[in-house]
Amino acid sequence: MIRLHTFLGNAMIAYLLIMLMALFLAWSLVPIARRVARHTDMVDQPNARKIHTTPTPLLGGVAIYVAFMGALLLLAGKFYISQVVGIFLGATLVSFLGLWDDRFSLSPAVKLLGQVIAGLILIATGVQVLLFHSWLLNWALTLFWVVGLTNAMNLLDNMDGLSSGVALIASSTFVLLAAGSDQYLVGALAAALVGASAGFLFYNFNPASIFMGDSGSLFLGFMLAAVGIKLRFPTNVPTVTWMIPPIVLGVPLFDTTLVVISRLRRGLNPLTTPGKDHFSHRLVRLGYTKREAVLLIYLLTGALGEIALFMTHAGWGESYLIGGLVLLAAIWGIWRLEQVPLH
């Protein structure tokens, strides 16, 4: 018991140092990225389909990426870098594709192909779902999870501070989950995400002075997906613990499901049709301010994190009861929000 407490204490100190390093790097780099974005004309211009009213620099995602990588290389790399080569390569690929899309625009097919390749890199390096006895089903579920969540975080980036704040809260939950199951590598990755997201959120919260762009949202989505795959829960059985990462990341999954259903119902392409039909936009339509809508979504993300922490030690019956209630609440939420007029 003493040795376990010592390990957890040392691990939490290491996580804290990684968080602070990533936070400092992001906080320091964002102003530089903002100036570079203005100098290179990488600025998001307002239009009728967007909610911001002034030109806003992009490239915040580059600062997030560099802060994340820098914190790990400086404080955790010498012990664990060899174990996460696949994660780093995949994350770099999706971030680069996002940056290229921010600057020159890419077709959805090219971005999707790049995300699939990034997912295959994870599989090739042993980072994959191990839920089924069939390798084919495990590979398919891994690609579905990685590509789906990567795009979900991209779609969630539709209001000041929303995507970065949700990433901050979700990765904080992952830090606690990793600490509770003695997974230093996963905890270090999650801690770096916490710090990089927090440092960027300082500039991105309403009113935002910079956006992360696709380079940031795709990177955050990919990394959260990879961390969710890497998490293991030795105190419970896989038939229960498979639900934990989707619950932690329930908000981006809910938002994407809502948008896809809504656009299909209206006869629109769900992936290529932009619009103000997201979870956050509908909350504003219900009378909340933009800040209140974002804070309400933060609260929901934190509540889902608490449910996930409880499920690490819950029995089979309790877990499926809670999971079923969460699913029913999501279905009701989609039905209720679909009643909100979009115009």
Protein backbone atom coordinates (compact mmCIF):
# COMPACT_ATOMS: atom_id res chain seq x y z
CA MET A 1 0.00 0.00 0.00
CA ILE A 2 2.81 2.41 0.83
CA ARG A 3 4.53 1.62 -2.47
CA LEU A 4 1.26 2.20 -4.35
CA HIS A 5 0.73 5.56 -2.66
CA THR A 6 4.33 6.50 -3.46
CA PHE A 7 3.85 5.59 -7.12
CA LEU A 8 0.62 7.56 -7.39
CA GLY A 9 2.20 10.53 -5.66
CA ASN A 10 5.20 10.52 -7.98
CA ALA A 11 2.96 10.04 -11.02
CA MET A 12 0.69 12.95 -10.10
CA ILE A 13 3.72 15.20 -9.60
CA ALA A 14 4.96 14.17 -13.05
CA TYR A 15 1.53 14.82 -14.56
CA LEU A 16 1.42 18.24 -12.93
CA LEU A 17 4.85 19.16 -14.31
CA ILE A 18 3.85 18.04 -17.81
CA MET A 19 0.59 20.02 -17.57
CA LEU A 20 2.38 23.16 -16.45
CA MET A 21 5.04 22.83 -19.14
CA ALA A 22 2.44 22.35 -21.89
CA LEU A 23 0.35 25.21 -20.50
CA PHE A 24 3.34 27.55 -20.42
CA LEU A 25 4.40 26.60 -23.94
CA ALA A 26 0.89 27.07 -25.36
CA TRP A 27 0.38 30.34 -23.49
CA SER A 28 3.72 31.61 -24.84
CA LEU A 29 3.31 30.37 -28.41
CA VAL A 30 -0.27 31.46 -29.14
CA PRO A 31 0.60 35.19 -29.48
CA ILE A 32 3.39 34.23 -31.90
CA ALA A 33 1.00 32.03 -33.88
CA ARG A 34 -1.49 34.89 -33.96
CA ARG A 35 1.06 37.28 -35.45
CA VAL A 36 2.21 34.71 -38.00
CA ALA A 37 -1.40 34.04 -38.99
CA ARG A 38 -2.02 37.73 -39.64
CA HIS A 39 1.26 38.07 -41.54
CA THR A 40 0.49 35.07 -43.77
CA ASP A 41 -3.21 35.98 -44.13
CA MET A 42 -4.36 32.79 -42.40
CA VAL A 43 -7.41 34.53 -41.01
CA ASP A 44 -10.93 33.17 -40.72
CA GLN A 45 -13.27 35.65 -42.37
CA PRO A 46 -16.83 36.03 -41.06
CA ASN A 47 -19.77 35.06 -43.23
CA ALA A 48 -23.44 34.21 -42.93
CA ARG A 49 -22.71 30.62 -41.86
CA LYS A 50 -20.37 31.62 -39.01
CA ILE A 51 -21.09 33.25 -35.68
CA HIS A 52 -18.00 35.47 -35.35
CA THR A 53 -18.28 38.96 -36.80
CA THR A 54 -14.63 40.02 -37.10
CA PRO A 55 -11.70 38.43 -38.98
CA THR A 56 -9.92 36.10 -36.54
CA PRO A 57 -6.44 34.58 -36.94
CA LEU A 58 -6.07 30.84 -37.25
CA LEU A 59 -2.92 28.77 -36.43
CA GLY A 60 -3.84 28.29 -32.78
CA GLY A 61 -3.73 24.57 -33.49
CA VAL A 62 -0.05 24.81 -34.32
CA ALA A 63 0.62 26.24 -30.87
CA ILE A 64 -1.39 23.42 -29.28
CA TYR A 65 0.56 20.82 -31.26
CA VAL A 66 3.98 22.27 -30.44
CA ALA A 67 3.11 22.73 -26.75
CA PHE A 68 1.89 19.14 -26.49
CA MET A 69 4.91 17.64 -28.23
CA GLY A 70 7.36 19.94 -26.46
CA ALA A 71 6.10 19.11 -22.97
CA LEU A 72 6.34 15.37 -23.60
CA LEU A 73 9.76 15.53 -25.25
CA LEU A 74 11.15 17.68 -22.45
CA LEU A 75 9.65 15.86 -19.47
CA ALA A 76 8.55 12.36 -20.49
CA GLY A 77 10.24 11.56 -23.76
CA LYS A 78 13.41 9.88 -22.54
CA PHE A 79 11.37 7.14 -20.85
CA TYR A 80 8.32 6.67 -23.06
CA ILE A 81 8.83 8.25 -26.47
CA SER A 82 9.57 4.89 -28.12
CA GLN A 83 6.13 3.61 -27.06
CA VAL A 84 4.17 6.43 -28.70
CA VAL A 85 5.85 6.78 -32.09
CA GLY A 86 2.66 5.63 -33.82
CA ILE A 87 0.52 8.10 -31.87
CA PHE A 88 2.90 10.96 -32.64
CA LEU A 89 3.07 10.08 -36.35
CA GLY A 90 -0.70 9.82 -36.67
CA ALA A 91 -1.28 13.04 -34.71
CA THR A 92 1.28 14.87 -36.83
CA LEU A 93 -0.38 13.67 -40.04
CA VAL A 94 -3.90 14.82 -39.09
CA SER A 95 -2.58 18.12 -37.74
CA PHE A 96 -0.65 18.77 -40.97
CA LEU A 97 -3.72 17.94 -43.06
CA GLY A 98 -5.75 20.35 -40.94
CA LEU A 99 -3.13 23.07 -41.38
CA TRP A 100 -3.08 22.49 -45.14
CA ASP A 101 -6.88 22.67 -45.20
CA ASP A 102 -6.84 25.93 -43.22
CA ARG A 103 -4.49 27.46 -45.78
CA PHE A 104 -5.45 25.98 -49.13
CA SER A 105 -8.60 23.88 -48.51
CA LEU A 106 -8.71 20.13 -49.02
CA SER A 107 -11.56 17.99 -50.25
CA PRO A 108 -13.40 15.97 -47.59
CA ALA A 109 -12.25 12.78 -49.32
CA VAL A 110 -8.57 13.69 -48.95
CA LYS A 111 -9.00 14.58 -45.28
CA LEU A 112 -10.89 11.36 -44.65
CA LEU A 113 -8.20 9.33 -46.39
CA GLY A 114 -5.53 11.00 -44.26
CA GLN A 115 -7.46 10.20 -41.08
CA VAL A 116 -7.83 6.56 -42.10
CA ILE A 117 -4.07 6.37 -42.76
CA ALA A 118 -3.43 7.91 -39.32
CA GLY A 119 -5.71 5.28 -37.79
CA LEU A 120 -3.87 2.51 -39.64
CA ILE A 121 -0.59 3.86 -38.24
CA LEU A 122 -2.01 3.39 -34.75
CA ILE A 123 -3.06 -0.16 -35.55
CA ALA A 124 0.34 -0.98 -37.09
CA THR A 125 2.07 0.14 -33.89
CA GLY A 126 -0.23 -1.82 -31.59
CA VAL A 127 -2.61 0.96 -30.52
CA GLN A 128 -6.00 -0.57 -31.24
CA VAL A 129 -9.28 -1.61 -29.68
CA LEU A 130 -9.15 -5.13 -28.19
CA LEU A 131 -12.83 -5.71 -27.56
CA PHE A 132 -13.50 -8.62 -29.91
CA HIS A 133 -11.81 -11.94 -30.65
CA SER A 134 -11.73 -11.04 -34.34
CA TRP A 135 -8.82 -8.84 -35.46
CA LEU A 136 -10.95 -7.60 -38.37
CA LEU A 137 -13.69 -6.33 -36.04
CA ASN A 138 -11.09 -4.75 -33.74
CA TRP A 139 -9.45 -2.97 -36.67
CA ALA A 140 -12.80 -1.76 -38.02
CA LEU A 141 -13.88 -0.45 -34.60
CA THR A 142 -10.50 1.25 -34.10
CA LEU A 143 -10.80 3.10 -37.43
CA PHE A 144 -14.44 4.00 -36.75
CA TRP A 145 -13.54 5.38 -33.31
CA VAL A 146 -10.47 7.31 -34.46
CA VAL A 147 -12.00 8.82 -37.60
CA GLY A 148 -15.33 9.48 -35.92
CA LEU A 149 -13.91 11.26 -32.87
CA THR A 150 -11.35 13.19 -34.91
CA ASN A 151 -14.17 14.64 -37.00
CA ALA A 152 -16.43 15.06 -33.96
CA MET A 153 -13.94 17.42 -32.30
CA ASN A 154 -13.57 19.25 -35.60
CA LEU A 155 -17.33 19.74 -35.83
CA LEU A 156 -17.50 20.79 -32.17
CA ASP A 157 -15.15 23.70 -32.87
CA ASN A 158 -18.04 26.03 -33.67
CA MET A 159 -18.04 28.54 -30.80
CA ASP A 160 -15.38 30.43 -28.86
CA GLY A 161 -13.68 28.19 -26.31
CA LEU A 162 -15.92 25.19 -26.92
CA SER A 163 -13.66 22.55 -28.47
CA SER A 164 -10.60 23.50 -26.42
CA GLY A 165 -12.60 23.60 -23.17
CA VAL A 166 -14.23 20.22 -23.78
CA ALA A 167 -10.80 18.77 -24.64
CA LEU A 168 -9.42 20.24 -21.39
CA ILE A 169 -12.15 18.68 -19.24
CA ALA A 170 -12.16 15.32 -21.02
CA SER A 171 -8.38 14.97 -20.89
CA SER A 172 -8.45 15.90 -17.18
CA THR A 173 -10.79 12.97 -16.64
CA PHE A 174 -8.38 10.75 -18.58
CA VAL A 175 -5.54 11.86 -16.28
CA LEU A 176 -7.55 10.75 -13.24
CA LEU A 177 -8.51 7.47 -14.90
CA ALA A 178 -4.88 6.78 -15.83
CA ALA A 179 -3.66 7.61 -12.32
CA GLY A 180 -6.21 5.23 -10.84
CA SER A 181 -4.96 2.33 -12.98
CA ASP A 182 -1.20 3.02 -12.81
CA GLN A 183 -0.82 3.97 -16.49
CA TYR A 184 1.90 6.57 -16.53
CA LEU A 185 2.21 6.73 -20.31
CA VAL A 186 -1.49 7.40 -20.85
CA GLY A 187 -1.53 9.86 -17.97
CA ALA A 188 1.42 11.76 -19.44
CA LEU A 189 -0.30 12.05 -22.83
CA ALA A 190 -3.53 13.23 -21.21
CA ALA A 191 -1.67 15.67 -18.95
CA ALA A 192 0.04 17.25 -21.96
CA LEU A 193 -3.38 17.64 -23.61
CA VAL A 194 -4.72 19.33 -20.46
CA GLY A 195 -1.91 21.87 -20.39
CA ALA A 196 -1.90 22.61 -24.13
CA SER A 197 -5.69 23.04 -24.17
CA ALA A 198 -5.64 25.28 -21.09
CA GLY A 199 -2.88 27.50 -22.45
CA PHE A 200 -4.77 27.96 -25.71
CA LEU A 201 -8.14 28.46 -23.99
CA PHE A 202 -6.73 31.58 -22.30
CA TYR A 203 -6.86 33.25 -25.73
CA ASN A 204 -9.77 31.30 -27.21
CA PHE A 205 -12.48 31.84 -24.60
CA ASN A 206 -15.20 34.29 -25.60
CA PRO A 207 -14.35 36.74 -27.07
CA ALA A 208 -11.65 34.72 -28.85
CA SER A 209 -8.60 36.47 -30.26
CA ILE A 210 -7.49 33.35 -32.18
CA PHE A 211 -8.99 30.11 -33.47
CA MET A 212 -7.34 26.69 -33.44
CA GLY A 213 -8.46 25.87 -36.98
CA ASP A 214 -8.65 22.35 -38.34
CA SER A 215 -5.00 21.76 -37.41
CA GLY A 216 -5.95 22.03 -33.74
CA SER A 217 -9.38 20.42 -33.67
CA LEU A 218 -8.31 17.39 -35.73
CA PHE A 219 -5.20 16.99 -33.57
CA LEU A 220 -7.20 17.13 -30.33
CA GLY A 221 -9.77 14.68 -31.66
CA PHE A 222 -7.12 12.21 -32.79
CA MET A 223 -5.20 12.40 -29.52
CA LEU A 224 -8.32 11.99 -27.38
CA ALA A 225 -9.26 8.95 -29.47
CA ALA A 226 -5.78 7.45 -29.06
CA VAL A 227 -5.71 8.05 -25.30
CA GLY A 228 -9.16 6.49 -25.01
CA ILE A 229 -7.88 3.37 -26.78
CA LYS A 230 -4.75 3.16 -24.63
CA LEU A 231 -6.65 3.32 -21.34
CA ARG A 232 -6.97 0.04 -19.47
CA PHE A 233 -9.10 -0.67 -16.39
CA PRO A 234 -7.71 -3.62 -14.41
CA THR A 235 -10.29 -3.16 -11.63
CA ASN A 236 -13.22 -4.00 -13.91
CA VAL A 237 -14.14 -6.20 -16.86
CA PRO A 238 -13.95 -5.17 -20.56
CA THR A 239 -17.70 -5.76 -21.01
CA VAL A 240 -18.18 -2.76 -18.70
CA THR A 241 -15.14 -0.57 -19.31
CA TRP A 242 -15.62 -0.27 -23.08
CA MET A 243 -18.29 2.33 -22.28
CA ILE A 244 -15.99 4.62 -20.32
CA PRO A 245 -14.13 6.50 -23.13
CA PRO A 246 -17.35 7.14 -25.14
CA ILE A 247 -19.02 8.52 -22.02
CA VAL A 248 -16.06 10.80 -21.25
CA LEU A 249 -16.25 12.09 -24.83
CA GLY A 250 -20.03 12.03 -24.96
CA VAL A 251 -20.42 15.72 -25.81
CA PRO A 252 -18.58 15.71 -29.17
CA LEU A 253 -20.21 12.38 -30.06
CA PHE A 254 -23.64 13.81 -29.17
CA ASP A 255 -23.04 16.98 -31.17
CA THR A 256 -21.95 15.03 -34.25
CA THR A 257 -24.89 12.64 -34.01
CA LEU A 258 -27.29 15.57 -33.66
CA VAL A 259 -25.81 17.34 -36.70
CA VAL A 260 -25.76 14.20 -38.86
CA ILE A 261 -29.39 13.30 -38.04
CA SER A 262 -30.56 16.88 -38.51
CA ARG A 263 -28.86 17.35 -41.86
CA LEU A 264 -29.93 13.97 -43.21
CA ARG A 265 -33.49 14.74 -42.19
CA ARG A 266 -33.27 18.00 -44.16
CA GLY A 267 -31.73 16.28 -47.17
CA LEU A 268 -28.26 17.82 -46.70
CA ASN A 269 -24.80 16.27 -46.80
CA PRO A 270 -23.88 15.95 -43.10
CA LEU A 271 -20.11 16.28 -43.61
CA THR A 272 -19.82 19.02 -46.22
CA THR A 273 -22.71 21.30 -45.26
CA PRO A 274 -21.71 24.00 -42.75
CA GLY A 275 -24.37 25.60 -40.65
CA LYS A 276 -25.53 26.89 -37.31
CA ASP A 277 -27.25 23.65 -36.33
CA HIS A 278 -24.91 22.37 -33.62
CA PHE A 279 -25.64 21.70 -29.96
CA SER A 280 -24.20 25.07 -28.93
CA HIS A 281 -26.12 27.00 -31.60
CA ARG A 282 -29.41 25.44 -30.51
CA LEU A 283 -28.74 26.35 -26.87
CA VAL A 284 -28.32 29.96 -27.98
CA ARG A 285 -31.61 29.67 -29.87
CA LEU A 286 -33.19 28.56 -26.59
CA GLY A 287 -32.16 31.85 -24.98
CA TYR A 288 -28.70 31.25 -23.55
CA THR A 289 -25.86 33.62 -24.34
CA LYS A 290 -22.88 32.21 -26.19
CA ARG A 291 -20.83 32.13 -22.98
CA GLU A 292 -23.65 30.47 -21.07
CA ALA A 293 -24.06 27.84 -23.78
CA VAL A 294 -20.35 27.00 -23.70
CA LEU A 295 -20.27 26.89 -19.89
CA LEU A 296 -23.34 24.64 -19.84
CA ILE A 297 -21.58 22.23 -22.22
CA TYR A 298 -18.49 22.35 -19.98
CA LEU A 299 -20.71 21.36 -17.05
CA LEU A 300 -22.21 18.48 -19.02
CA THR A 301 -18.73 17.26 -20.02
CA GLY A 302 -17.64 17.33 -16.38
CA ALA A 303 -20.75 15.42 -15.30
CA LEU A 304 -20.07 12.72 -17.88
CA GLY A 305 -16.52 12.50 -16.57
CA GLU A 306 -17.85 11.90 -13.07
CA ILE A 307 -20.09 9.12 -14.39
CA ALA A 308 -17.10 7.53 -16.15
CA LEU A 309 -15.03 7.63 -12.96
CA PHE A 310 -17.84 5.89 -11.06
CA MET A 311 -18.13 3.18 -13.72
CA THR A 312 -14.51 2.08 -13.26
CA HIS A 313 -15.61 0.32 -10.06
CA ALA A 314 -19.30 -0.26 -10.79
CA GLY A 315 -20.80 -3.68 -11.33
CA TRP A 316 -22.16 -4.97 -14.61
CA GLY A 317 -25.78 -4.21 -13.76
CA GLU A 318 -25.06 -0.72 -12.42
CA SER A 319 -22.89 0.16 -15.41
CA TYR A 320 -25.42 -0.88 -18.02
CA LEU A 321 -28.22 0.85 -16.14
CA ILE A 322 -26.23 4.08 -16.07
CA GLY A 323 -25.08 3.66 -19.66
CA GLY A 324 -28.66 3.05 -20.73
CA LEU A 325 -29.86 6.17 -18.91
CA VAL A 326 -27.12 8.24 -20.56
CA LEU A 327 -28.14 6.88 -23.96
CA LEU A 328 -31.83 7.61 -23.31
CA ALA A 329 -30.95 11.14 -22.19
CA ALA A 330 -28.96 11.64 -25.41
CA ILE A 331 -31.85 10.38 -27.55
CA TRP A 332 -34.26 12.68 -25.72
CA GLY A 333 -31.81 15.57 -26.12
CA ILE A 334 -31.56 15.05 -29.87
CA TRP A 335 -35.36 14.90 -30.16
CA ARG A 336 -35.79 18.04 -28.02
CA LEU A 337 -33.09 20.05 -29.79
CA GLU A 338 -34.48 19.09 -33.19
CA GLN A 339 -37.61 21.02 -32.21
CA VAL A 340 -35.58 24.23 -31.89
CA PRO A 341 -36.02 26.43 -34.99
CA LEU A 342 -32.74 27.06 -36.82
CA HIS A 343 -33.77 30.41 -38.29
